[in-house]
Protein backbone atom coordinates (compact mmCIF):
# COMPACT_ATOMS: atom_id res chain seq x y z
CA MET A 1 -28.32 -31.61 -15.46
CA CYS A 2 -28.11 -30.56 -11.79
CA ASN A 3 -29.56 -33.07 -9.52
CA ARG A 4 -27.70 -32.72 -6.23
CA TYR A 5 -27.71 -29.15 -4.46
CA GLY A 6 -27.54 -27.91 -0.74
CA TYR A 7 -28.72 -25.37 1.35
CA ASN A 8 -26.21 -25.21 4.74
CA ALA A 9 -27.30 -21.48 5.73
CA PRO A 10 -28.41 -19.67 9.26
CA HIS A 11 -31.71 -20.10 8.94
CA HIS A 12 -32.26 -16.03 9.52
CA ARG A 13 -29.41 -15.24 6.59
CA LEU A 14 -32.76 -15.07 3.71
CA GLN A 15 -35.61 -13.56 6.25
CA GLU A 16 -31.59 -10.92 5.86
CA ILE A 17 -31.76 -11.05 2.05
CA PHE A 18 -35.09 -10.97 1.48
CA GLY A 19 -36.35 -8.16 3.58
CA GLN A 20 -33.10 -6.01 1.79
CA LEU A 21 -35.06 -6.39 -0.90
CA LYS A 22 -38.15 -5.54 0.01
CA LEU A 23 -39.66 -9.13 0.23
CA PRO A 24 -40.82 -10.27 3.63
CA PHE A 25 -41.71 -13.13 4.77
CA ARG A 26 -45.18 -13.43 5.10
CA SER A 27 -46.32 -16.81 6.46
CA PRO A 28 -47.57 -17.54 10.41
CA GLN A 29 -44.29 -19.35 10.97
CA ALA A 30 -41.85 -16.92 8.50
CA ILE A 31 -39.42 -18.79 8.32
CA PRO A 32 -38.91 -22.01 9.69
CA ASN A 33 -35.35 -23.14 11.82
CA LEU A 34 -34.30 -25.83 8.73
CA ALA A 35 -31.53 -28.03 9.34
CA PRO A 36 -28.62 -27.03 7.05
CA LEU A 37 -28.60 -29.79 4.03
CA GLU A 38 -25.41 -30.26 2.50
CA GLU A 39 -27.20 -32.71 -0.13
CA ILE A 40 -30.65 -32.27 -1.76
CA SER A 41 -31.97 -34.72 -3.41
CA PRO A 42 -34.60 -35.41 -6.31
CA THR A 43 -37.30 -36.46 -4.70
CA ASP A 44 -36.57 -35.03 -1.28
CA PRO A 45 -38.40 -31.93 0.45
CA ALA A 46 -36.14 -28.45 0.10
CA PRO A 47 -36.91 -25.06 0.83
CA VAL A 48 -39.07 -22.72 -1.71
CA VAL A 49 -39.88 -19.49 -1.54
CA GLN A 50 -43.04 -18.67 -3.08
CA ALA A 51 -45.35 -14.77 -3.12
CA PHE A 52 -48.01 -14.76 -0.23
CA GLU A 53 -49.97 -12.23 -0.36
CA ASP A 54 -47.69 -8.70 -0.12
CA GLY A 55 -44.20 -10.02 0.75
CA VAL A 56 -43.40 -13.96 0.30
CA ARG A 57 -43.16 -17.07 2.20
CA LEU A 58 -40.84 -20.38 2.17
CA ASP A 59 -42.00 -24.16 2.03
CA GLN A 60 -41.04 -26.95 2.06
CA LEU A 61 -42.01 -28.68 -1.30
CA ARG A 62 -40.86 -31.92 -2.31
CA TRP A 63 -37.94 -31.96 -5.61
CA GLY A 64 -40.03 -33.14 -9.10
CA LEU A 65 -42.87 -32.44 -10.50
CA ALA A 66 -45.60 -35.48 -11.13
CA PRO A 67 -43.85 -37.62 -13.53
CA PRO A 68 -45.53 -37.46 -17.24
CA ARG A 69 -46.18 -41.13 -17.50
CA PRO A 70 -45.95 -44.25 -15.71
CA LYS A 71 -42.74 -44.80 -14.55
CA ALA A 72 -41.15 -42.31 -15.86
CA GLY A 73 -38.67 -40.42 -12.72
CA PRO A 74 -40.10 -37.11 -11.82
CA ILE A 75 -38.96 -34.01 -13.58
CA ILE A 76 -36.42 -32.57 -11.58
CA ASN A 77 -35.11 -29.85 -14.35
CA PHE A 78 -37.18 -27.79 -16.91
CA ARG A 79 -35.39 -26.86 -19.99
CA SER A 80 -35.91 -23.13 -19.85
CA GLU A 81 -35.80 -21.97 -23.76
CA ASP A 82 -37.93 -20.31 -25.32
CA ARG A 83 -40.09 -20.49 -22.85
CA ARG A 84 -43.00 -18.34 -20.89
CA PHE A 85 -44.03 -18.56 -17.16
CA ASP A 86 -46.76 -16.81 -16.22
CA ARG A 87 -47.81 -19.05 -13.17
CA GLY A 88 -46.01 -21.03 -10.48
CA ARG A 89 -42.53 -19.70 -10.56
CA CYS A 90 -40.63 -19.91 -7.17
CA LEU A 91 -37.62 -19.11 -6.19
CA VAL A 92 -34.97 -21.70 -4.50
CA PRO A 93 -32.73 -20.68 -2.64
CA ALA A 94 -29.35 -22.73 -2.60
CA THR A 95 -25.74 -22.44 -1.18
CA HIS A 96 -24.20 -24.90 -3.77
CA PHE A 97 -25.03 -27.78 -5.72
CA PHE A 98 -22.17 -30.21 -8.14
CA GLU A 99 -22.26 -31.63 -11.35
CA PHE A 100 -20.40 -34.86 -12.07
CA THR A 101 -18.32 -36.00 -14.75
CA GLY A 102 -16.54 -39.39 -15.73
CA VAL A 103 -18.24 -42.31 -17.34
CA LYS A 104 -17.55 -44.94 -14.23
CA TYR A 105 -17.79 -45.27 -10.49
CA PRO A 106 -16.45 -42.83 -9.00
CA LYS A 107 -17.28 -40.28 -10.89
CA THR A 108 -15.42 -36.95 -9.89
CA LYS A 109 -17.97 -34.90 -8.42
CA TRP A 110 -17.64 -30.90 -8.44
CA ARG A 111 -19.39 -28.19 -5.62
CA PHE A 112 -20.43 -25.06 -7.64
CA THR A 113 -20.33 -21.49 -5.18
CA HIS A 114 -21.42 -18.76 -5.31
CA ALA A 115 -18.32 -16.01 -5.60
CA GLU A 116 -20.16 -12.92 -4.41
CA GLN A 117 -22.76 -14.33 -2.59
CA ASP A 118 -23.81 -16.91 0.37
CA VAL A 119 -26.95 -17.27 -0.70
CA PHE A 120 -28.46 -17.92 -4.50
CA CYS A 121 -31.77 -18.92 -5.78
CA PHE A 122 -32.51 -21.18 -8.62
CA ALA A 123 -35.46 -20.47 -10.96
CA GLY A 124 -37.99 -22.64 -9.94
CA LEU A 125 -42.42 -23.62 -11.05
CA VAL A 126 -44.21 -25.40 -8.67
CA ARG A 127 -47.20 -27.52 -9.66
CA ASP A 128 -49.21 -29.76 -6.83
CA ASP A 129 -47.04 -28.65 -4.18
CA ARG A 130 -43.43 -29.92 -6.11
CA PHE A 131 -40.92 -28.15 -7.48
CA THR A 132 -38.84 -28.07 -10.39
CA LEU A 133 -35.59 -26.22 -11.19
CA LEU A 134 -35.16 -24.57 -14.71
CA THR A 135 -32.17 -24.96 -16.79
CA CYS A 136 -30.55 -23.42 -20.04
CA GLU A 137 -27.51 -23.67 -21.84
CA PRO A 138 -24.15 -22.90 -19.28
CA GLY A 139 -22.11 -20.47 -18.92
CA PRO A 140 -17.96 -20.34 -18.58
CA ASP A 141 -18.30 -21.47 -15.12
CA VAL A 142 -20.11 -24.90 -16.07
CA ALA A 143 -19.60 -26.15 -19.83
CA PRO A 144 -16.52 -27.42 -18.58
CA TYR A 145 -19.17 -29.57 -16.50
CA HIS A 146 -21.80 -29.87 -17.59
CA ASP A 147 -23.98 -29.48 -21.00
CA ARG A 148 -27.04 -27.86 -19.13
CA GLN A 149 -26.82 -25.31 -16.34
CA PRO A 150 -29.52 -24.72 -13.27
CA VAL A 151 -30.77 -21.11 -13.86
CA ILE A 152 -29.93 -19.17 -11.40
CA LEU A 153 -31.46 -15.58 -10.66
CA PRO A 154 -29.31 -13.31 -10.61
CA LEU A 155 -30.66 -10.56 -6.88
CA SER A 156 -32.16 -8.49 -8.94
CA ASP A 157 -33.97 -10.80 -10.49
CA TRP A 158 -35.41 -12.33 -7.33
CA GLY A 159 -38.28 -10.25 -7.04
CA PRO A 160 -40.15 -9.97 -10.62
CA TRP A 161 -39.52 -13.67 -10.51
CA VAL A 162 -41.50 -14.75 -7.69
CA ASP A 163 -44.01 -11.97 -7.87
CA GLY A 164 -45.90 -13.84 -11.02
CA ALA A 165 -48.16 -10.39 -12.17
CA ARG A 166 -44.30 -9.38 -13.74
CA ALA A 167 -43.47 -9.98 -16.35
CA GLN A 168 -40.38 -12.60 -16.14
CA PRO A 169 -36.72 -11.69 -16.57
CA ALA A 170 -34.46 -12.94 -18.38
CA ILE A 171 -33.21 -16.81 -18.57
CA ARG A 172 -29.95 -16.33 -18.87
CA PRO A 173 -26.80 -18.74 -18.79
CA SER A 174 -24.24 -17.58 -15.85
CA PRO A 175 -21.71 -14.88 -16.72
CA ALA A 176 -18.02 -16.07 -16.22
CA GLY A 177 -16.40 -15.66 -12.78
CA THR A 178 -20.43 -15.95 -10.95
CA LEU A 179 -19.12 -19.35 -9.66
CA ILE A 180 -16.14 -20.64 -8.31
CA VAL A 181 -15.39 -24.65 -8.77
CA GLU A 182 -14.33 -27.19 -6.72
CA GLN A 183 -13.33 -31.29 -6.48
CA VAL A 184 -14.93 -32.91 -4.45
CA GLU A 185 -14.29 -36.18 -3.92
CA PRO A 186 -15.09 -38.94 -4.96
CA ALA A 187 -16.53 -40.79 -1.89
CA ALA A 188 -14.37 -44.39 -0.97
CA ARG A 189 -15.33 -47.63 -2.63
CA LEU A 190 -16.79 -49.74 0.47
CA GLU A 191 -14.59 -53.13 0.09
CA LEU A 192 -16.83 -56.12 -0.07
CA ARG A 193 -14.34 -58.91 2.66
């Protein structure tokens, strides 16, 4: 499951993309000047795009829905198969995400970026000012590294996804060639003396 991702595009880039989609940002602050976020972890605040009036707005929300029971962790990923999401749909902007392989520390870290877009969006859900990422079966680019993948929406589905009044776009794995995968060197082990 995706438990790390990043968003490091210039803050005006989202305005450009959503403007081209005829989904202007509507809110007093429009788009705040976001610091580059190379690695967003569960419970970190992160940018989320939601419907607002006749456009969209950008909020900073915590990643992970409230735990369903005491002592459980936050729900950072939510299975999407055979489910309808009629409320709380959001877009989670990203420039990359990570998966890890191996059983021993340090695990091998893999970085996934979109082959054609500098910014892409995960399908997400917002509940009580927190968000989660939707997951599905992995596409061919992710399958060698993990048995699930975050739902990456095609650009044409961003508007219908964020607009809860419109029919929910299909949720599906990313087609082959959507993602570029590169190995990230594992962090050096600290030597204790």
